[in-house]
């Protein structure tokens, strides 16, 4: 997906169980904090997004099967970042 330059980029992931670890954005793993419990999470991926170019985002988890309910990439302007 091509992305126009913005101030902040956040990947939001929702799953059916809490065992997903994070995402890989253009070859760089971005994981949520250890010990976090929950079926959804947000990760700041701004430093790894290639603005104006193709980007690859992969959800990562453990060895078992996972059901991902939703994945979204959200953009925020300056001073509006969550």
C-alpha atoms as a PDB file:
ATOM      1  CA  UNK A   1       0.000   0.000   0.000  1.00  0.00           C
ATOM      2  CA  UNK A   2       1.247   3.502  -0.779  1.00  0.00           C
ATOM      3  CA  UNK A   3       1.046   6.019   2.031  1.00  0.00           C
ATOM      4  CA  UNK A   4       1.070   9.802   1.863  1.00  0.00           C
ATOM      5  CA  UNK A   5       3.351  11.499   4.370  1.00  0.00           C
ATOM      6  CA  UNK A   6       1.695  12.255   7.717  1.00  0.00           C
ATOM      7  CA  UNK A   7       2.898  13.008  11.222  1.00  0.00           C
ATOM      8  CA  UNK A   8       2.107   9.668  12.859  1.00  0.00           C
ATOM      9  CA  UNK A   9       1.190   6.145  11.769  1.00  0.00           C
ATOM     10  CA  UNK A  10      -0.387   3.548  14.050  1.00  0.00           C
ATOM     11  CA  UNK A  11      -1.239  -0.077  13.313  1.00  0.00           C
ATOM     12  CA  UNK A  12      -4.300  -1.320  15.201  1.00  0.00           C
ATOM     13  CA  UNK A  13      -4.789  -5.106  15.528  1.00  0.00           C
ATOM     14  CA  UNK A  14      -7.814  -6.950  16.951  1.00  0.00           C
ATOM     15  CA  UNK A  15      -7.751 -10.726  17.451  1.00  0.00           C
ATOM     16  CA  UNK A  16      -9.787 -13.423  19.196  1.00  0.00           C
ATOM     17  CA  UNK A  17      -7.022 -14.281  21.681  1.00  0.00           C
ATOM     18  CA  UNK A  18      -4.183 -12.322  23.335  1.00  0.00           C
ATOM     19  CA  UNK A  19      -1.249 -14.286  21.901  1.00  0.00           C
ATOM     20  CA  UNK A  20      -0.375 -12.011  18.972  1.00  0.00           C
ATOM     21  CA  UNK A  21       2.979 -10.307  19.552  1.00  0.00           C
ATOM     22  CA  UNK A  22       3.045  -7.398  17.129  1.00  0.00           C
ATOM     23  CA  UNK A  23       3.736  -6.625  13.487  1.00  0.00           C
ATOM     24  CA  UNK A  24       6.576  -6.559  11.000  1.00  0.00           C
ATOM     25  CA  UNK A  25       6.648  -3.322   8.991  1.00  0.00           C
ATOM     26  CA  UNK A  26       8.931  -3.358   5.964  1.00  0.00           C
ATOM     27  CA  UNK A  27      11.180  -5.947   7.587  1.00  0.00           C
ATOM     28  CA  UNK A  28      11.320  -4.416  11.090  1.00  0.00           C
ATOM     29  CA  UNK A  29       9.549  -6.123  13.989  1.00  0.00           C
ATOM     30  CA  UNK A  30       7.485  -3.825  16.210  1.00  0.00           C
ATOM     31  CA  UNK A  31       6.202  -5.713  19.247  1.00  0.00           C
ATOM     32  CA  UNK A  32       3.882  -4.759  22.053  1.00  0.00           C
ATOM     33  CA  UNK A  33       5.164  -4.463  25.596  1.00  0.00           C
ATOM     34  CA  UNK A  34       5.922  -7.748  27.392  1.00  0.00           C
ATOM     35  CA  UNK A  35       3.220  -8.801  29.818  1.00  0.00           C
ATOM     36  CA  UNK A  36       0.470  -6.915  27.993  1.00  0.00           C
ATOM     37  CA  UNK A  37      -2.779  -8.846  28.200  1.00  0.00           C
ATOM     38  CA  UNK A  38      -5.590  -8.197  25.781  1.00  0.00           C
ATOM     39  CA  UNK A  39      -6.911  -9.120  22.379  1.00  0.00           C
ATOM     40  CA  UNK A  40      -6.261  -5.778  20.701  1.00  0.00           C
ATOM     41  CA  UNK A  41      -3.338  -3.363  20.580  1.00  0.00           C
ATOM     42  CA  UNK A  42      -2.002  -0.232  18.873  1.00  0.00           C
ATOM     43  CA  UNK A  43       1.624   0.180  17.795  1.00  0.00           C
ATOM     44  CA  UNK A  44       3.382   3.326  16.616  1.00  0.00           C
ATOM     45  CA  UNK A  45       5.049   2.347  13.332  1.00  0.00           C
ATOM     46  CA  UNK A  46       5.869   5.851  12.033  1.00  0.00           C
ATOM     47  CA  UNK A  47       9.675   5.321  11.842  1.00  0.00           C
ATOM     48  CA  UNK A  48       9.248   2.186   9.689  1.00  0.00           C
ATOM     49  CA  UNK A  49       6.686   3.429   7.161  1.00  0.00           C
ATOM     50  CA  UNK A  50       8.016   4.371   3.725  1.00  0.00           C
ATOM     51  CA  UNK A  51       5.871   7.372   2.858  1.00  0.00           C
ATOM     52  CA  UNK A  52       4.917   7.554  -0.822  1.00  0.00           C
ATOM     53  CA  UNK A  53       6.147   3.985  -1.428  1.00  0.00           C
ATOM     54  CA  UNK A  54       4.812   0.439  -1.144  1.00  0.00           C
ATOM     55  CA  UNK A  55       4.720  -0.926   2.434  1.00  0.00           C
ATOM     56  CA  UNK A  56       4.401  -4.456   3.789  1.00  0.00           C
ATOM     57  CA  UNK A  57       2.748  -5.114   7.169  1.00  0.00           C
ATOM     58  CA  UNK A  58       2.676  -8.632   8.655  1.00  0.00           C
ATOM     59  CA  UNK A  59       0.944  -9.565  11.928  1.00  0.00           C
ATOM     60  CA  UNK A  60       3.116 -11.880  14.088  1.00  0.00           C
ATOM     61  CA  UNK A  61       2.138 -14.344  16.803  1.00  0.00           C
ATOM     62  CA  UNK A  62       3.094 -17.571  18.510  1.00  0.00           C
ATOM     63  CA  UNK A  63       3.181 -21.086  17.105  1.00  0.00           C
ATOM     64  CA  UNK A  64      -0.571 -21.684  17.393  1.00  0.00           C
ATOM     65  CA  UNK A  65      -3.250 -20.571  14.942  1.00  0.00           C
ATOM     66  CA  UNK A  66      -4.772 -17.135  15.457  1.00  0.00           C
ATOM     67  CA  UNK A  67      -7.886 -15.436  14.217  1.00  0.00           C
ATOM     68  CA  UNK A  68      -7.378 -11.786  13.378  1.00  0.00           C
ATOM     69  CA  UNK A  69     -10.623  -9.821  13.459  1.00  0.00           C
ATOM     70  CA  UNK A  70      -9.291  -6.500  12.151  1.00  0.00           C
ATOM     71  CA  UNK A  71      -6.061  -4.777  11.131  1.00  0.00           C
ATOM     72  CA  UNK A  72      -5.946  -1.091  10.280  1.00  0.00           C
ATOM     73  CA  UNK A  73      -3.257   1.466   9.562  1.00  0.00           C
ATOM     74  CA  UNK A  74      -4.246   4.897  10.857  1.00  0.00           C
ATOM     75  CA  UNK A  75      -2.650   8.294  10.267  1.00  0.00           C
ATOM     76  CA  UNK A  76      -2.626  11.296  12.582  1.00  0.00           C
ATOM     77  CA  UNK A  77      -1.745  14.915  11.922  1.00  0.00           C
ATOM     78  CA  UNK A  78       0.557  16.857  14.251  1.00  0.00           C
ATOM     79  CA  UNK A  79      -0.889  17.352  17.745  1.00  0.00           C
ATOM     80  CA  UNK A  80      -3.764  14.937  17.024  1.00  0.00           C
ATOM     81  CA  UNK A  81      -1.757  11.772  17.655  1.00  0.00           C
ATOM     82  CA  UNK A  82      -3.550   9.465  20.118  1.00  0.00           C
END
